[in-house]
Amino acid sequence: MLLTELTMPAVDFEAATGWAAKPEGMCKGAVCVPAPGAVGGDGTIDVTAVAARLGMALVEDVHHNVWALGPESGGRALTTAVAPELELPDADGNPFKLSAMHGRKVLLVAWASW
């Protein structure tokens, strides 16, 4: 989810993520996670606090003043944003290493026919 602010109405956060603000914390289905300080008195969500409690990646693009909020990790959050070395053939059959793109933003798209 892309954001231009780090606070948002609780109803909008629930619609986008499935996590609802309740008195017991942030809840999705039968799962509730205590999230003290995540919900303001005006019914807004502090996205930074919720992301930390739910293990959601929150990344800022300073140049464009936007944030990307990822899904909850379920306890399997990445410890780094470093991708492993990956070498695959390019469209011409020549070997291509992911490390050749070092320092640049890269979008990997995978597709399978099954």
N, C-alpha and C. Protein backbone atom coordinates (compact mmCIF):
# COMPACT_ATOMS: atom_id res chain seq x y z
N MET A 1 0.85 -1.16 0.00
CA MET A 1 0.00 0.00 0.00
C MET A 1 0.90 1.23 0.00
N LEU A 2 0.64 2.17 -0.89
CA LEU A 2 1.40 3.41 -0.95
C LEU A 2 0.70 4.47 -0.11
N LEU A 3 1.49 5.24 0.64
CA LEU A 3 0.96 6.27 1.53
C LEU A 3 1.67 7.58 1.28
N THR A 4 0.93 8.67 1.47
CA THR A 4 1.55 9.99 1.42
C THR A 4 1.63 10.60 2.81
N GLU A 5 0.99 9.98 3.80
CA GLU A 5 1.06 10.41 5.20
C GLU A 5 1.14 9.17 6.07
N LEU A 6 1.68 9.34 7.27
CA LEU A 6 1.83 8.20 8.18
C LEU A 6 0.73 8.12 9.22
N THR A 7 -0.34 8.85 9.01
CA THR A 7 -1.55 8.68 9.80
C THR A 7 -2.70 8.55 8.81
N MET A 8 -3.69 7.75 9.19
CA MET A 8 -4.85 7.58 8.31
C MET A 8 -6.04 7.14 9.14
N PRO A 9 -7.26 7.40 8.66
CA PRO A 9 -8.44 6.95 9.38
C PRO A 9 -8.43 5.43 9.55
N ALA A 10 -8.87 4.97 10.71
CA ALA A 10 -8.87 3.54 11.01
C ALA A 10 -9.70 2.75 9.99
N VAL A 11 -10.80 3.32 9.52
CA VAL A 11 -11.64 2.60 8.55
C VAL A 11 -10.90 2.41 7.22
N ASP A 12 -10.10 3.38 6.83
CA ASP A 12 -9.32 3.26 5.59
C ASP A 12 -8.22 2.22 5.75
N PHE A 13 -7.59 2.19 6.93
CA PHE A 13 -6.54 1.20 7.18
C PHE A 13 -7.13 -0.21 7.15
N GLU A 14 -8.30 -0.38 7.75
CA GLU A 14 -8.95 -1.69 7.73
C GLU A 14 -9.32 -2.11 6.32
N ALA A 15 -9.84 -1.19 5.54
CA ALA A 15 -10.23 -1.51 4.16
C ALA A 15 -9.03 -1.94 3.33
N ALA A 16 -7.88 -1.32 3.58
CA ALA A 16 -6.69 -1.61 2.79
C ALA A 16 -5.93 -2.85 3.26
N THR A 17 -5.96 -3.14 4.58
CA THR A 17 -5.12 -4.20 5.12
C THR A 17 -5.90 -5.36 5.75
N GLY A 18 -7.15 -5.10 6.14
CA GLY A 18 -7.92 -6.12 6.86
C GLY A 18 -7.75 -6.05 8.36
N TRP A 19 -6.86 -5.19 8.85
CA TRP A 19 -6.62 -5.04 10.29
C TRP A 19 -7.52 -3.94 10.85
N ALA A 20 -8.36 -4.30 11.82
CA ALA A 20 -9.31 -3.36 12.43
C ALA A 20 -8.81 -2.92 13.80
N ALA A 21 -9.00 -1.64 14.10
CA ALA A 21 -8.66 -1.11 15.42
C ALA A 21 -9.79 -1.43 16.38
N LYS A 22 -9.48 -2.19 17.44
CA LYS A 22 -10.45 -2.55 18.46
C LYS A 22 -9.85 -2.24 19.83
N PRO A 23 -10.66 -2.24 20.89
CA PRO A 23 -10.11 -1.94 22.21
C PRO A 23 -8.96 -2.87 22.62
N GLU A 24 -9.00 -4.13 22.17
CA GLU A 24 -7.93 -5.07 22.53
C GLU A 24 -6.68 -4.93 21.67
N GLY A 25 -6.72 -4.11 20.64
CA GLY A 25 -5.57 -3.88 19.78
C GLY A 25 -5.96 -3.92 18.32
N MET A 26 -5.04 -4.27 17.46
CA MET A 26 -5.30 -4.41 16.04
C MET A 26 -5.71 -5.85 15.78
N CYS A 27 -6.87 -6.03 15.15
CA CYS A 27 -7.42 -7.37 14.98
C CYS A 27 -7.71 -7.67 13.51
N LYS A 28 -7.45 -8.92 13.15
CA LYS A 28 -7.76 -9.43 11.81
C LYS A 28 -8.34 -10.82 12.03
N GLY A 29 -9.63 -10.95 11.80
CA GLY A 29 -10.29 -12.21 12.10
C GLY A 29 -10.25 -12.44 13.60
N ALA A 30 -9.82 -13.62 14.01
CA ALA A 30 -9.74 -13.98 15.42
C ALA A 30 -8.41 -13.57 16.06
N VAL A 31 -7.49 -13.04 15.27
CA VAL A 31 -6.17 -12.68 15.79
C VAL A 31 -6.16 -11.21 16.18
N CYS A 32 -5.76 -10.94 17.43
CA CYS A 32 -5.61 -9.56 17.91
C CYS A 32 -4.21 -9.37 18.45
N VAL A 33 -3.60 -8.23 18.11
CA VAL A 33 -2.26 -7.91 18.56
C VAL A 33 -2.34 -6.60 19.33
N PRO A 34 -1.90 -6.58 20.61
CA PRO A 34 -1.89 -5.33 21.35
C PRO A 34 -1.06 -4.29 20.60
N ALA A 35 -1.59 -3.09 20.50
CA ALA A 35 -0.87 -2.03 19.78
C ALA A 35 -1.04 -0.71 20.52
N PRO A 36 -0.42 -0.60 21.71
CA PRO A 36 -0.57 0.64 22.47
C PRO A 36 -0.03 1.83 21.69
N GLY A 37 -0.80 2.91 21.69
CA GLY A 37 -0.39 4.13 21.01
C GLY A 37 -0.61 4.14 19.51
N ALA A 38 -1.16 3.06 18.97
CA ALA A 38 -1.34 2.98 17.52
C ALA A 38 -2.59 3.71 17.06
N VAL A 39 -3.61 3.79 17.92
CA VAL A 39 -4.86 4.43 17.54
C VAL A 39 -5.01 5.72 18.33
N GLY A 40 -5.18 6.82 17.62
CA GLY A 40 -5.35 8.11 18.27
C GLY A 40 -6.78 8.30 18.74
N GLY A 41 -6.95 9.28 19.61
CA GLY A 41 -8.28 9.60 20.13
C GLY A 41 -9.25 10.06 19.05
N ASP A 42 -8.72 10.50 17.93
CA ASP A 42 -9.57 10.97 16.83
C ASP A 42 -9.88 9.86 15.83
N GLY A 43 -9.50 8.61 16.16
CA GLY A 43 -9.80 7.48 15.28
C GLY A 43 -8.83 7.29 14.14
N THR A 44 -7.66 7.91 14.24
CA THR A 44 -6.65 7.73 13.20
C THR A 44 -5.63 6.69 13.64
N ILE A 45 -5.01 6.06 12.67
CA ILE A 45 -3.99 5.04 12.90
C ILE A 45 -2.61 5.66 12.71
N ASP A 46 -1.71 5.41 13.65
CA ASP A 46 -0.30 5.77 13.50
C ASP A 46 0.34 4.60 12.75
N VAL A 47 0.54 4.75 11.47
CA VAL A 47 1.01 3.67 10.61
C VAL A 47 2.37 3.15 11.07
N THR A 48 3.24 4.02 11.53
CA THR A 48 4.56 3.60 12.01
C THR A 48 4.43 2.65 13.19
N ALA A 49 3.58 2.98 14.15
CA ALA A 49 3.39 2.13 15.34
C ALA A 49 2.77 0.79 14.97
N VAL A 50 1.76 0.82 14.10
CA VAL A 50 1.10 -0.43 13.70
C VAL A 50 2.07 -1.31 12.92
N ALA A 51 2.83 -0.72 12.02
CA ALA A 51 3.79 -1.49 11.23
C ALA A 51 4.79 -2.20 12.14
N ALA A 52 5.26 -1.52 13.16
CA ALA A 52 6.22 -2.12 14.08
C ALA A 52 5.59 -3.27 14.85
N ARG A 53 4.36 -3.12 15.31
CA ARG A 53 3.70 -4.17 16.10
C ARG A 53 3.31 -5.39 15.25
N LEU A 54 2.93 -5.16 14.00
CA LEU A 54 2.47 -6.26 13.16
C LEU A 54 3.56 -6.85 12.27
N GLY A 55 4.75 -6.28 12.31
CA GLY A 55 5.83 -6.79 11.47
C GLY A 55 5.62 -6.46 10.01
N MET A 56 5.05 -5.29 9.75
CA MET A 56 4.82 -4.84 8.37
C MET A 56 6.01 -3.98 7.94
N ALA A 57 6.55 -4.26 6.80
CA ALA A 57 7.65 -3.44 6.29
C ALA A 57 7.12 -2.06 5.94
N LEU A 58 7.85 -1.03 6.33
CA LEU A 58 7.48 0.35 6.01
C LEU A 58 8.72 1.02 5.44
N VAL A 59 8.67 1.37 4.16
CA VAL A 59 9.83 1.92 3.46
C VAL A 59 9.48 3.29 2.91
N GLU A 60 10.40 4.24 3.10
CA GLU A 60 10.17 5.61 2.64
C GLU A 60 10.98 5.91 1.39
N ASP A 61 10.35 6.59 0.45
CA ASP A 61 11.04 7.15 -0.71
C ASP A 61 11.12 8.65 -0.45
N VAL A 62 12.26 9.09 0.06
CA VAL A 62 12.44 10.48 0.47
C VAL A 62 12.25 11.44 -0.70
N HIS A 63 12.75 11.04 -1.85
CA HIS A 63 12.69 11.92 -3.03
C HIS A 63 11.25 12.24 -3.42
N HIS A 64 10.35 11.26 -3.33
CA HIS A 64 8.96 11.46 -3.74
C HIS A 64 8.00 11.65 -2.56
N ASN A 65 8.54 11.60 -1.32
CA ASN A 65 7.74 11.79 -0.12
C ASN A 65 6.55 10.83 -0.04
N VAL A 66 6.83 9.55 -0.29
CA VAL A 66 5.82 8.50 -0.17
C VAL A 66 6.40 7.34 0.63
N TRP A 67 5.52 6.54 1.20
CA TRP A 67 5.90 5.35 1.95
C TRP A 67 5.19 4.16 1.35
N ALA A 68 5.81 3.01 1.43
CA ALA A 68 5.20 1.75 1.01
C ALA A 68 5.05 0.88 2.25
N LEU A 69 3.85 0.40 2.50
CA LEU A 69 3.56 -0.46 3.63
C LEU A 69 3.30 -1.86 3.12
N GLY A 70 4.10 -2.81 3.58
CA GLY A 70 3.95 -4.19 3.15
C GLY A 70 3.00 -4.96 4.04
N PRO A 71 2.70 -6.20 3.68
CA PRO A 71 1.80 -7.02 4.50
C PRO A 71 2.49 -7.46 5.78
N GLU A 72 1.70 -7.94 6.73
CA GLU A 72 2.27 -8.42 7.98
C GLU A 72 3.15 -9.63 7.69
N SER A 73 4.18 -9.80 8.51
CA SER A 73 5.16 -10.84 8.23
C SER A 73 4.81 -12.19 8.82
N GLY A 74 3.95 -12.23 9.80
CA GLY A 74 3.65 -13.50 10.43
C GLY A 74 4.86 -14.07 11.16
N GLY A 75 5.76 -13.17 11.58
CA GLY A 75 6.95 -13.63 12.31
C GLY A 75 8.12 -13.95 11.40
N ARG A 76 8.00 -13.72 10.11
CA ARG A 76 9.07 -14.04 9.18
C ARG A 76 9.59 -12.78 8.49
N ALA A 77 9.80 -11.72 9.25
CA ALA A 77 10.25 -10.46 8.67
C ALA A 77 11.68 -10.60 8.17
N LEU A 78 11.99 -9.91 7.10
CA LEU A 78 13.35 -9.90 6.59
C LEU A 78 14.24 -9.14 7.55
N THR A 79 15.43 -9.63 7.75
CA THR A 79 16.37 -8.93 8.62
C THR A 79 17.20 -7.91 7.85
N THR A 80 17.29 -8.07 6.52
CA THR A 80 17.98 -7.11 5.67
C THR A 80 17.23 -7.00 4.36
N ALA A 81 17.57 -5.99 3.60
CA ALA A 81 16.98 -5.82 2.28
C ALA A 81 17.98 -6.23 1.20
N VAL A 82 18.96 -7.03 1.57
CA VAL A 82 19.98 -7.48 0.64
C VAL A 82 19.51 -8.78 -0.01
N ALA A 83 19.43 -8.76 -1.31
CA ALA A 83 19.00 -9.95 -2.05
C ALA A 83 20.19 -10.89 -2.24
N PRO A 84 19.96 -12.18 -2.27
CA PRO A 84 21.06 -13.11 -2.53
C PRO A 84 21.52 -12.99 -3.98
N GLU A 85 22.74 -13.46 -4.25
CA GLU A 85 23.24 -13.43 -5.62
C GLU A 85 22.34 -14.30 -6.49
N LEU A 86 21.97 -13.76 -7.61
CA LEU A 86 21.06 -14.45 -8.52
C LEU A 86 21.62 -14.31 -9.93
N GLU A 87 21.77 -15.42 -10.62
CA GLU A 87 22.25 -15.38 -12.00
C GLU A 87 21.30 -16.20 -12.87
N LEU A 88 20.75 -15.53 -13.88
CA LEU A 88 19.82 -16.16 -14.82
C LEU A 88 20.16 -15.72 -16.23
N PRO A 89 19.73 -16.48 -17.22
CA PRO A 89 19.98 -16.04 -18.60
C PRO A 89 19.06 -14.87 -18.96
N ASP A 90 19.60 -13.92 -19.71
CA ASP A 90 18.76 -12.82 -20.18
C ASP A 90 18.01 -13.26 -21.43
N ALA A 91 17.33 -12.34 -22.10
CA ALA A 91 16.51 -12.68 -23.27
C ALA A 91 17.33 -13.27 -24.41
N ASP A 92 18.63 -12.94 -24.45
CA ASP A 92 19.51 -13.46 -25.50
C ASP A 92 20.26 -14.72 -25.07
N GLY A 93 20.01 -15.20 -23.85
CA GLY A 93 20.68 -16.39 -23.36
C GLY A 93 21.99 -16.13 -22.67
N ASN A 94 22.39 -14.85 -22.55
CA ASN A 94 23.64 -14.51 -21.86
C ASN A 94 23.41 -14.48 -20.36
N PRO A 95 24.39 -14.92 -19.54
CA PRO A 95 24.19 -14.88 -18.09
C PRO A 95 24.10 -13.45 -17.58
N PHE A 96 23.17 -13.24 -16.67
CA PHE A 96 22.98 -11.92 -16.07
C PHE A 96 22.96 -12.09 -14.56
N LYS A 97 23.78 -11.31 -13.86
CA LYS A 97 23.83 -11.36 -12.40
C LYS A 97 23.07 -10.18 -11.83
N LEU A 98 22.26 -10.46 -10.81
CA LEU A 98 21.51 -9.40 -10.14
C LEU A 98 22.44 -8.35 -9.56
N SER A 99 23.63 -8.76 -9.12
CA SER A 99 24.58 -7.82 -8.52
C SER A 99 25.03 -6.74 -9.52
N ALA A 100 24.81 -6.96 -10.82
CA ALA A 100 25.16 -5.94 -11.81
C ALA A 100 24.28 -4.69 -11.64
N MET A 101 23.17 -4.83 -10.94
CA MET A 101 22.26 -3.70 -10.71
C MET A 101 22.51 -3.04 -9.36
N HIS A 102 23.62 -3.36 -8.70
CA HIS A 102 23.92 -2.84 -7.36
C HIS A 102 23.77 -1.32 -7.32
N GLY A 103 23.08 -0.84 -6.30
CA GLY A 103 22.88 0.60 -6.13
C GLY A 103 21.65 1.15 -6.82
N ARG A 104 20.95 0.33 -7.56
CA ARG A 104 19.74 0.76 -8.27
C ARG A 104 18.53 0.03 -7.70
N LYS A 105 17.38 0.65 -7.81
CA LYS A 105 16.15 -0.02 -7.41
C LYS A 105 15.79 -1.03 -8.49
N VAL A 106 15.41 -2.23 -8.06
CA VAL A 106 15.14 -3.32 -9.00
C VAL A 106 13.79 -3.93 -8.67
N LEU A 107 12.99 -4.17 -9.67
CA LEU A 107 11.72 -4.87 -9.51
C LEU A 107 11.87 -6.22 -10.19
N LEU A 108 11.73 -7.29 -9.40
CA LEU A 108 11.81 -8.64 -9.95
C LEU A 108 10.39 -9.14 -10.17
N VAL A 109 10.12 -9.60 -11.36
CA VAL A 109 8.81 -10.14 -11.70
C VAL A 109 9.00 -11.60 -12.06
N ALA A 110 8.22 -12.45 -11.39
CA ALA A 110 8.32 -13.88 -11.66
C ALA A 110 6.97 -14.36 -12.21
N TRP A 111 7.02 -15.32 -13.09
CA TRP A 111 5.81 -15.85 -13.69
C TRP A 111 5.98 -17.34 -13.88
N ALA A 112 4.92 -18.06 -13.66
CA ALA A 112 4.95 -19.51 -13.88
C ALA A 112 3.63 -19.90 -14.57
N SER A 113 3.70 -20.89 -15.43
CA SER A 113 2.50 -21.28 -16.17
C SER A 113 1.61 -22.22 -15.40
N TRP A 114 2.05 -22.74 -14.28
CA TRP A 114 1.22 -23.69 -13.56
C TRP A 114 0.38 -23.05 -12.53
